[in-house]
Amino acid sequence: MPGSELFAEEIRRTASLADSLVEWYRLWLNP
């Protein structure tokens, strides 16, 4: 299904964004 591949890409992008936010918060809270 082509739709599921697009969905998987969206999940991957969201997970990558979440990882970036977590690292940013970690750096900000622990200088």
N, C-alpha and C. Protein backbone atom coordinates (compact mmCIF):
# COMPACT_ATOMS: atom_id res chain seq x y z
N MET A 1 0.84 -1.20 0.00
CA MET A 1 0.00 0.00 0.00
C MET A 1 0.88 1.26 0.00
N PRO A 2 0.68 2.14 -0.96
CA PRO A 2 1.48 3.37 -1.00
C PRO A 2 1.17 4.29 0.18
N GLY A 3 -0.06 4.24 0.68
CA GLY A 3 -0.43 5.09 1.81
C GLY A 3 0.35 4.77 3.07
N SER A 4 0.62 3.49 3.30
CA SER A 4 1.33 3.09 4.52
C SER A 4 2.79 3.55 4.48
N GLU A 5 3.37 3.61 3.29
CA GLU A 5 4.76 4.08 3.20
C GLU A 5 4.83 5.56 3.55
N LEU A 6 3.86 6.32 3.05
CA LEU A 6 3.81 7.74 3.37
C LEU A 6 3.61 7.94 4.87
N PHE A 7 2.76 7.10 5.45
CA PHE A 7 2.49 7.17 6.88
C PHE A 7 3.76 6.88 7.69
N ALA A 8 4.51 5.86 7.25
CA ALA A 8 5.75 5.50 7.94
C ALA A 8 6.75 6.65 7.88
N GLU A 9 6.82 7.31 6.73
CA GLU A 9 7.74 8.45 6.59
C GLU A 9 7.34 9.58 7.53
N GLU A 10 6.04 9.80 7.67
CA GLU A 10 5.55 10.84 8.57
C GLU A 10 5.90 10.51 10.02
N ILE A 11 5.74 9.24 10.39
CA ILE A 11 6.10 8.80 11.74
C ILE A 11 7.59 9.03 12.00
N ARG A 12 8.40 8.67 11.01
CA ARG A 12 9.85 8.83 11.15
C ARG A 12 10.21 10.30 11.35
N ARG A 13 9.57 11.16 10.56
CA ARG A 13 9.86 12.60 10.66
C ARG A 13 9.45 13.13 12.03
N THR A 14 8.28 12.70 12.50
CA THR A 14 7.80 13.16 13.81
C THR A 14 8.72 12.67 14.93
N ALA A 15 9.17 11.42 14.82
CA ALA A 15 10.07 10.86 15.84
C ALA A 15 11.39 11.63 15.85
N SER A 16 11.87 11.99 14.67
CA SER A 16 13.13 12.74 14.58
C SER A 16 12.98 14.10 15.23
N LEU A 17 11.83 14.74 14.99
CA LEU A 17 11.56 16.04 15.58
C LEU A 17 11.48 15.93 17.10
N ALA A 18 10.82 14.89 17.58
CA ALA A 18 10.69 14.67 19.02
C ALA A 18 12.07 14.47 19.65
N ASP A 19 12.94 13.71 18.98
CA ASP A 19 14.29 13.48 19.48
C ASP A 19 15.03 14.82 19.62
N SER A 20 14.89 15.68 18.62
CA SER A 20 15.56 16.97 18.66
C SER A 20 15.06 17.80 19.84
N LEU A 21 13.74 17.78 20.05
CA LEU A 21 13.18 18.55 21.16
C LEU A 21 13.68 18.03 22.50
N VAL A 22 13.73 16.72 22.64
CA VAL A 22 14.21 16.12 23.89
C VAL A 22 15.66 16.52 24.16
N GLU A 23 16.49 16.47 23.13
CA GLU A 23 17.90 16.85 23.32
C GLU A 23 18.02 18.32 23.67
N TRP A 24 17.19 19.16 23.03
CA TRP A 24 17.23 20.59 23.31
C TRP A 24 16.84 20.86 24.76
N TYR A 25 15.77 20.21 25.22
CA TYR A 25 15.35 20.38 26.62
C TYR A 25 16.43 19.92 27.57
N ARG A 26 17.08 18.79 27.25
CA ARG A 26 18.13 18.24 28.11
C ARG A 26 19.27 19.24 28.24
N LEU A 27 19.68 19.85 27.11
CA LEU A 27 20.76 20.83 27.14
C LEU A 27 20.34 22.07 27.92
N TRP A 28 19.08 22.47 27.75
CA TRP A 28 18.59 23.68 28.38
C TRP A 28 18.46 23.50 29.90
N LEU A 29 18.03 22.32 30.34
CA LEU A 29 17.82 22.08 31.78
C LEU A 29 19.11 21.72 32.49
N ASN A 30 20.10 21.20 31.74
CA ASN A 30 21.37 20.81 32.37
C ASN A 30 22.54 21.53 31.69
N PRO A 31 22.76 22.78 32.06
CA PRO A 31 23.83 23.55 31.41
C PRO A 31 25.22 23.07 31.84
